Amino acid sequence: MLRRSEVPCVALAVTSGTTTAHYCMTTAKPREIFIQGITSDGRTFRPSDWAERLAGVMSCFRPGGEAPSRGGHISYSPYCVPTVINGVKCVVVNEAVRAVEPMAWDFVMNFARDNDLQVAEACLVPDGQFKPR
């Protein structure tokens, strides 16, 4: 049994005027890695479509294996999704890809390291999942 201090928590403080609301959601897994399109010295990573390219390479690593193509169009894996957060291109990589294919996990982590990209560990929490403390 986990003590309160050992329970993983995604915390958020939202301030509106003079009121601050604190939210917390406990979650042990899955962990997600945010590869940000900013180098360690603050430069924007190029080419501008790097996130879509990386997610495209990872598209076959998904729950249940490779999905059939729908009309010839690519669909991203739910384990590796390009997005924009606060104006910065990112790729959110779910740690679950490690269980599907450890070499794919190594590939994305090495891509971030080799290109000197900033990486943050976090967990995306769906809207409405935060609970006030």
N, C-alpha and C. Protein backbone atom coordinates (compact mmCIF):
# COMPACT_ATOMS: atom_id res chain seq x y z
N MET A 1 0.84 -1.18 0.00
CA MET A 1 0.00 0.00 0.00
C MET A 1 0.89 1.25 0.00
N LEU A 2 0.54 2.22 -0.82
CA LEU A 2 1.30 3.45 -0.90
C LEU A 2 0.86 4.43 0.17
N ARG A 3 1.85 5.05 0.81
CA ARG A 3 1.52 6.15 1.71
C ARG A 3 1.23 7.36 0.85
N ARG A 4 0.55 8.34 1.40
CA ARG A 4 0.17 9.53 0.64
C ARG A 4 1.38 10.16 -0.05
N SER A 5 2.51 10.22 0.62
CA SER A 5 3.69 10.86 0.03
C SER A 5 4.27 10.06 -1.14
N GLU A 6 3.90 8.77 -1.26
CA GLU A 6 4.44 7.93 -2.33
C GLU A 6 3.52 7.86 -3.54
N VAL A 7 2.32 8.40 -3.44
CA VAL A 7 1.36 8.33 -4.53
C VAL A 7 1.76 9.32 -5.61
N PRO A 8 2.03 8.85 -6.83
CA PRO A 8 2.36 9.78 -7.90
C PRO A 8 1.20 10.71 -8.15
N CYS A 9 1.50 11.97 -8.41
CA CYS A 9 0.44 12.96 -8.56
C CYS A 9 0.81 13.96 -9.63
N VAL A 10 -0.15 14.24 -10.51
CA VAL A 10 0.00 15.34 -11.45
C VAL A 10 -0.74 16.50 -10.82
N ALA A 11 -0.02 17.55 -10.50
CA ALA A 11 -0.63 18.67 -9.77
C ALA A 11 -0.69 19.90 -10.66
N LEU A 12 -1.71 20.70 -10.43
CA LEU A 12 -1.91 21.92 -11.20
C LEU A 12 -2.52 22.96 -10.28
N ALA A 13 -1.98 24.13 -10.30
CA ALA A 13 -2.55 25.25 -9.55
C ALA A 13 -3.05 26.27 -10.56
N VAL A 14 -4.33 26.58 -10.51
CA VAL A 14 -4.94 27.53 -11.42
C VAL A 14 -5.37 28.75 -10.63
N THR A 15 -4.85 29.92 -11.02
CA THR A 15 -5.19 31.15 -10.31
C THR A 15 -6.07 32.01 -11.19
N SER A 16 -7.15 32.47 -10.61
CA SER A 16 -8.06 33.38 -11.28
C SER A 16 -8.37 34.51 -10.30
N GLY A 17 -7.85 35.69 -10.60
CA GLY A 17 -8.01 36.79 -9.65
C GLY A 17 -7.24 36.50 -8.38
N THR A 18 -7.94 36.44 -7.25
CA THR A 18 -7.29 36.16 -5.97
C THR A 18 -7.52 34.72 -5.51
N THR A 19 -8.21 33.92 -6.34
CA THR A 19 -8.52 32.54 -5.96
C THR A 19 -7.61 31.57 -6.69
N THR A 20 -7.05 30.63 -5.94
CA THR A 20 -6.22 29.58 -6.54
C THR A 20 -6.86 28.24 -6.25
N ALA A 21 -7.10 27.47 -7.31
CA ALA A 21 -7.64 26.13 -7.16
C ALA A 21 -6.51 25.14 -7.39
N HIS A 22 -6.41 24.13 -6.54
CA HIS A 22 -5.38 23.10 -6.68
C HIS A 22 -6.05 21.81 -7.12
N TYR A 23 -5.46 21.18 -8.12
CA TYR A 23 -5.99 19.95 -8.65
C TYR A 23 -4.91 18.88 -8.59
N CYS A 24 -5.35 17.65 -8.39
CA CYS A 24 -4.41 16.55 -8.33
C CYS A 24 -5.08 15.30 -8.87
N MET A 25 -4.34 14.55 -9.66
CA MET A 25 -4.82 13.26 -10.12
C MET A 25 -3.72 12.25 -9.86
N THR A 26 -4.04 11.20 -9.18
CA THR A 26 -3.03 10.19 -8.93
C THR A 26 -3.01 9.22 -10.09
N THR A 27 -1.80 8.86 -10.48
CA THR A 27 -1.63 7.92 -11.57
C THR A 27 -0.23 7.32 -11.48
N ALA A 28 -0.14 6.03 -11.59
CA ALA A 28 1.16 5.39 -11.56
C ALA A 28 1.69 5.18 -12.99
N LYS A 29 0.83 4.89 -13.93
CA LYS A 29 1.20 4.63 -15.32
C LYS A 29 0.04 5.07 -16.18
N PRO A 30 0.15 5.32 -17.41
CA PRO A 30 1.38 5.33 -18.17
C PRO A 30 2.09 6.67 -18.05
N ARG A 31 3.38 6.63 -18.12
CA ARG A 31 4.19 7.84 -18.11
C ARG A 31 4.39 8.26 -19.56
N GLU A 32 4.50 9.54 -19.76
CA GLU A 32 4.71 10.05 -21.10
C GLU A 32 5.93 10.95 -21.12
N ILE A 33 6.61 10.92 -22.24
CA ILE A 33 7.79 11.74 -22.46
C ILE A 33 7.41 12.80 -23.49
N PHE A 34 7.68 14.04 -23.18
CA PHE A 34 7.42 15.14 -24.10
C PHE A 34 8.76 15.54 -24.71
N ILE A 35 8.91 15.26 -26.00
CA ILE A 35 10.10 15.71 -26.73
C ILE A 35 9.73 17.06 -27.33
N GLN A 36 10.42 18.09 -26.90
CA GLN A 36 10.08 19.44 -27.32
C GLN A 36 10.99 19.89 -28.46
N GLY A 37 10.45 20.66 -29.37
CA GLY A 37 11.19 21.13 -30.53
C GLY A 37 12.06 22.33 -30.23
N ILE A 38 12.71 22.28 -29.06
CA ILE A 38 13.62 23.34 -28.63
C ILE A 38 14.91 22.65 -28.17
N THR A 39 16.04 23.12 -28.68
CA THR A 39 17.31 22.54 -28.26
C THR A 39 17.67 23.03 -26.86
N SER A 40 18.67 22.40 -26.26
CA SER A 40 19.04 22.78 -24.89
C SER A 40 19.52 24.22 -24.79
N ASP A 41 19.97 24.80 -25.91
CA ASP A 41 20.38 26.21 -25.86
C ASP A 41 19.27 27.16 -26.32
N GLY A 42 18.03 26.64 -26.46
CA GLY A 42 16.88 27.49 -26.73
C GLY A 42 16.53 27.73 -28.18
N ARG A 43 17.24 27.10 -29.11
CA ARG A 43 16.93 27.29 -30.53
C ARG A 43 15.77 26.39 -30.95
N THR A 44 14.97 26.87 -31.91
CA THR A 44 13.89 26.07 -32.46
C THR A 44 14.48 25.00 -33.37
N PHE A 45 14.04 23.77 -33.18
CA PHE A 45 14.56 22.65 -33.97
C PHE A 45 13.94 22.67 -35.37
N ARG A 46 14.76 22.39 -36.37
CA ARG A 46 14.34 22.34 -37.77
C ARG A 46 14.62 20.96 -38.32
N PRO A 47 13.88 20.46 -39.30
CA PRO A 47 12.86 21.15 -40.08
C PRO A 47 11.58 21.34 -39.28
N SER A 48 10.73 22.20 -39.78
CA SER A 48 9.53 22.56 -39.04
C SER A 48 8.54 21.39 -38.91
N ASP A 49 8.65 20.38 -39.76
CA ASP A 49 7.73 19.24 -39.68
C ASP A 49 8.36 18.02 -38.99
N TRP A 50 9.39 18.26 -38.17
CA TRP A 50 10.10 17.16 -37.51
C TRP A 50 9.16 16.29 -36.67
N ALA A 51 8.19 16.91 -35.98
CA ALA A 51 7.30 16.15 -35.08
C ALA A 51 6.42 15.19 -35.87
N GLU A 52 5.89 15.66 -36.98
CA GLU A 52 5.05 14.81 -37.81
C GLU A 52 5.87 13.67 -38.43
N ARG A 53 7.11 13.97 -38.82
CA ARG A 53 7.98 12.93 -39.39
C ARG A 53 8.29 11.85 -38.36
N LEU A 54 8.66 12.28 -37.15
CA LEU A 54 8.98 11.31 -36.10
C LEU A 54 7.76 10.46 -35.75
N ALA A 55 6.61 11.08 -35.59
CA ALA A 55 5.39 10.33 -35.29
C ALA A 55 5.02 9.41 -36.45
N GLY A 56 5.29 9.82 -37.67
CA GLY A 56 5.01 8.97 -38.82
C GLY A 56 5.86 7.71 -38.82
N VAL A 57 7.13 7.85 -38.46
CA VAL A 57 8.02 6.70 -38.37
C VAL A 57 7.51 5.73 -37.30
N MET A 58 6.94 6.26 -36.24
CA MET A 58 6.48 5.44 -35.12
C MET A 58 5.03 4.95 -35.28
N SER A 59 4.40 5.24 -36.41
CA SER A 59 2.96 4.97 -36.58
C SER A 59 2.58 3.49 -36.49
N CYS A 60 3.49 2.59 -36.79
CA CYS A 60 3.13 1.17 -36.75
C CYS A 60 3.18 0.57 -35.35
N PHE A 61 3.73 1.29 -34.38
CA PHE A 61 3.81 0.77 -33.02
C PHE A 61 2.58 1.24 -32.26
N ARG A 62 1.64 0.32 -32.09
CA ARG A 62 0.34 0.66 -31.51
C ARG A 62 -0.23 -0.55 -30.78
N PRO A 63 -1.25 -0.32 -29.98
CA PRO A 63 -1.90 -1.46 -29.30
C PRO A 63 -2.42 -2.45 -30.34
N GLY A 64 -2.14 -3.70 -30.17
CA GLY A 64 -2.62 -4.72 -31.09
C GLY A 64 -1.80 -4.86 -32.36
N GLY A 65 -0.67 -4.15 -32.43
CA GLY A 65 0.19 -4.26 -33.60
C GLY A 65 -0.17 -3.26 -34.68
N GLU A 66 0.39 -3.47 -35.84
CA GLU A 66 0.21 -2.54 -36.95
C GLU A 66 -1.23 -2.57 -37.45
N ALA A 67 -1.81 -1.38 -37.62
CA ALA A 67 -3.17 -1.27 -38.13
C ALA A 67 -3.14 -1.17 -39.65
N PRO A 68 -4.17 -1.71 -40.28
CA PRO A 68 -4.21 -1.58 -41.74
C PRO A 68 -4.39 -0.13 -42.15
N SER A 69 -3.84 0.22 -43.30
CA SER A 69 -3.97 1.58 -43.81
C SER A 69 -5.41 1.86 -44.19
N ARG A 70 -5.88 3.04 -43.86
CA ARG A 70 -7.24 3.44 -44.20
C ARG A 70 -7.19 4.33 -45.43
N GLY A 71 -7.46 3.77 -46.57
CA GLY A 71 -7.46 4.54 -47.79
C GLY A 71 -6.10 5.09 -48.16
N GLY A 72 -5.04 4.45 -47.69
CA GLY A 72 -3.70 4.89 -48.01
C GLY A 72 -3.20 6.04 -47.15
N HIS A 73 -3.98 6.47 -46.17
CA HIS A 73 -3.57 7.58 -45.32
C HIS A 73 -2.91 7.08 -44.05
N ILE A 74 -1.90 7.81 -43.63
CA ILE A 74 -1.20 7.46 -42.40
C ILE A 74 -2.05 7.86 -41.19
N SER A 75 -1.98 7.07 -40.17
CA SER A 75 -2.60 7.47 -38.89
C SER A 75 -1.53 7.28 -37.82
N TYR A 76 -1.46 8.24 -36.92
CA TYR A 76 -0.44 8.18 -35.88
C TYR A 76 -0.79 7.13 -34.83
N SER A 77 0.24 6.56 -34.26
CA SER A 77 0.05 5.65 -33.14
C SER A 77 -0.40 6.45 -31.93
N PRO A 78 -1.27 5.89 -31.10
CA PRO A 78 -1.62 6.60 -29.87
C PRO A 78 -0.44 6.68 -28.90
N TYR A 79 0.62 5.94 -29.18
CA TYR A 79 1.81 5.96 -28.33
C TYR A 79 2.80 7.06 -28.71
N CYS A 80 2.61 7.69 -29.86
CA CYS A 80 3.57 8.71 -30.32
C CYS A 80 2.80 9.73 -31.15
N VAL A 81 2.48 10.86 -30.53
CA VAL A 81 1.58 11.82 -31.13
C VAL A 81 2.24 13.20 -31.23
N PRO A 82 2.24 13.80 -32.44
CA PRO A 82 2.75 15.16 -32.56
C PRO A 82 1.70 16.14 -32.04
N THR A 83 2.15 17.21 -31.43
CA THR A 83 1.24 18.22 -30.90
C THR A 83 1.99 19.54 -30.75
N VAL A 84 1.26 20.57 -30.39
CA VAL A 84 1.86 21.87 -30.09
C VAL A 84 1.43 22.23 -28.68
N ILE A 85 2.40 22.53 -27.83
CA ILE A 85 2.12 22.92 -26.45
C ILE A 85 2.77 24.27 -26.20
N ASN A 86 1.94 25.24 -25.85
CA ASN A 86 2.43 26.61 -25.61
C ASN A 86 3.26 27.14 -26.79
N GLY A 87 2.80 26.84 -28.00
CA GLY A 87 3.48 27.34 -29.19
C GLY A 87 4.73 26.58 -29.59
N VAL A 88 5.05 25.48 -28.91
CA VAL A 88 6.24 24.69 -29.20
C VAL A 88 5.81 23.33 -29.75
N LYS A 89 6.37 22.97 -30.93
CA LYS A 89 6.09 21.64 -31.47
C LYS A 89 6.68 20.60 -30.54
N CYS A 90 5.91 19.55 -30.29
CA CYS A 90 6.33 18.48 -29.40
C CYS A 90 5.86 17.14 -29.96
N VAL A 91 6.47 16.09 -29.47
CA VAL A 91 5.96 14.74 -29.70
C VAL A 91 5.79 14.13 -28.31
N VAL A 92 4.58 13.63 -28.06
CA VAL A 92 4.29 12.98 -26.79
C VAL A 92 4.44 11.48 -27.03
N VAL A 93 5.40 10.87 -26.33
CA VAL A 93 5.68 9.45 -26.49
C VAL A 93 5.28 8.73 -25.21
N ASN A 94 4.34 7.81 -25.35
CA ASN A 94 3.86 7.04 -24.21
C ASN A 94 4.85 5.91 -23.93
N GLU A 95 5.16 5.72 -22.66
CA GLU A 95 6.13 4.69 -22.27
C GLU A 95 5.65 3.29 -22.66
N ALA A 96 4.38 3.12 -22.94
CA ALA A 96 3.85 1.81 -23.33
C ALA A 96 4.50 1.30 -24.61
N VAL A 97 5.04 2.19 -25.44
CA VAL A 97 5.72 1.74 -26.66
C VAL A 97 6.93 0.89 -26.32
N ARG A 98 7.49 1.10 -25.15
CA ARG A 98 8.66 0.30 -24.72
C ARG A 98 8.30 -1.18 -24.62
N ALA A 99 7.08 -1.47 -24.15
CA ALA A 99 6.64 -2.86 -24.03
C ALA A 99 6.34 -3.47 -25.40
N VAL A 100 5.85 -2.65 -26.33
CA VAL A 100 5.52 -3.12 -27.67
C VAL A 100 6.80 -3.40 -28.46
N GLU A 101 7.76 -2.46 -28.39
CA GLU A 101 9.02 -2.62 -29.12
C GLU A 101 10.11 -1.77 -28.46
N PRO A 102 10.94 -2.38 -27.63
CA PRO A 102 11.99 -1.63 -26.93
C PRO A 102 12.91 -0.85 -27.87
N MET A 103 13.16 -1.37 -29.07
CA MET A 103 14.03 -0.65 -30.01
C MET A 103 13.36 0.64 -30.50
N ALA A 104 12.04 0.66 -30.59
CA ALA A 104 11.33 1.88 -31.00
C ALA A 104 11.47 2.93 -29.91
N TRP A 105 11.35 2.51 -28.66
CA TRP A 105 11.55 3.43 -27.53
C TRP A 105 12.96 4.02 -27.58
N ASP A 106 13.94 3.14 -27.76
CA ASP A 106 15.33 3.61 -27.85
C ASP A 106 15.51 4.58 -29.01
N PHE A 107 14.85 4.31 -30.13
CA PHE A 107 14.96 5.18 -31.29
C PHE A 107 14.51 6.60 -30.98
N VAL A 108 13.32 6.75 -30.38
CA VAL A 108 12.83 8.11 -30.11
C VAL A 108 13.67 8.81 -29.04
N MET A 109 14.12 8.06 -28.05
CA MET A 109 14.94 8.68 -27.00
C MET A 109 16.31 9.08 -27.56
N ASN A 110 16.87 8.25 -28.43
CA ASN A 110 18.14 8.60 -29.08
C ASN A 110 17.97 9.77 -30.03
N PHE A 111 16.83 9.85 -30.71
CA PHE A 111 16.55 10.99 -31.60
C PHE A 111 16.59 12.28 -30.79
N ALA A 112 15.94 12.29 -29.64
CA ALA A 112 15.93 13.49 -28.80
C ALA A 112 17.34 13.83 -28.32
N ARG A 113 18.08 12.82 -27.87
CA ARG A 113 19.44 13.06 -27.37
C ARG A 113 20.37 13.52 -28.49
N ASP A 114 20.33 12.83 -29.62
CA ASP A 114 21.23 13.16 -30.73
C ASP A 114 20.99 14.56 -31.28
N ASN A 115 19.75 15.04 -31.19
CA ASN A 115 19.42 16.37 -31.71
C ASN A 115 19.37 17.42 -30.60
N ASP A 116 19.80 17.05 -29.41
CA ASP A 116 19.91 17.98 -28.28
C ASP A 116 18.57 18.64 -27.94
N LEU A 117 17.48 17.85 -28.05
CA LEU A 117 16.14 18.39 -27.78
C LEU A 117 15.80 18.29 -26.30
N GLN A 118 15.02 19.24 -25.84
CA GLN A 118 14.58 19.22 -24.46
C GLN A 118 13.52 18.13 -24.29
N VAL A 119 13.62 17.38 -23.21
CA VAL A 119 12.72 16.28 -22.92
C VAL A 119 12.17 16.47 -21.51
N ALA A 120 10.86 16.27 -21.37
CA ALA A 120 10.22 16.37 -20.06
C ALA A 120 9.38 15.12 -19.82
N GLU A 121 9.42 14.59 -18.61
CA GLU A 121 8.58 13.46 -18.24
C GLU A 121 7.31 14.02 -17.61
N ALA A 122 6.18 13.49 -18.03
CA ALA A 122 4.91 13.97 -17.51
C ALA A 122 3.84 12.95 -17.87
N CYS A 123 2.62 13.34 -17.65
CA CYS A 123 1.49 12.51 -18.02
C CYS A 123 0.36 13.44 -18.44
N LEU A 124 -0.14 13.27 -19.65
CA LEU A 124 -1.29 14.06 -20.08
C LEU A 124 -2.51 13.55 -19.33
N VAL A 125 -3.31 14.48 -18.87
CA VAL A 125 -4.51 14.12 -18.13
C VAL A 125 -5.70 14.64 -18.93
N PRO A 126 -6.63 13.75 -19.31
CA PRO A 126 -7.79 14.18 -20.08
C PRO A 126 -8.60 15.24 -19.34
N ASP A 127 -9.24 16.13 -20.10
CA ASP A 127 -10.09 17.15 -19.49
C ASP A 127 -11.10 16.52 -18.55
N GLY A 128 -11.34 17.18 -17.42
CA GLY A 128 -12.31 16.71 -16.45
C GLY A 128 -11.80 15.64 -15.50
N GLN A 129 -10.52 15.28 -15.59
CA GLN A 129 -9.99 14.23 -14.74
C GLN A 129 -9.30 14.76 -13.48
N PHE A 130 -9.11 16.08 -13.37
CA PHE A 130 -8.51 16.64 -12.17
C PHE A 130 -9.54 16.68 -11.05
N LYS A 131 -9.09 16.46 -9.84
CA LYS A 131 -9.98 16.50 -8.68
C LYS A 131 -9.45 17.54 -7.69
N PRO A 132 -10.31 18.45 -7.23
CA PRO A 132 -9.84 19.45 -6.26
C PRO A 132 -9.35 18.79 -5.00
N ARG A 133 -8.33 19.38 -4.42
CA ARG A 133 -7.78 18.87 -3.16
C ARG A 133 -8.51 19.49 -2.00
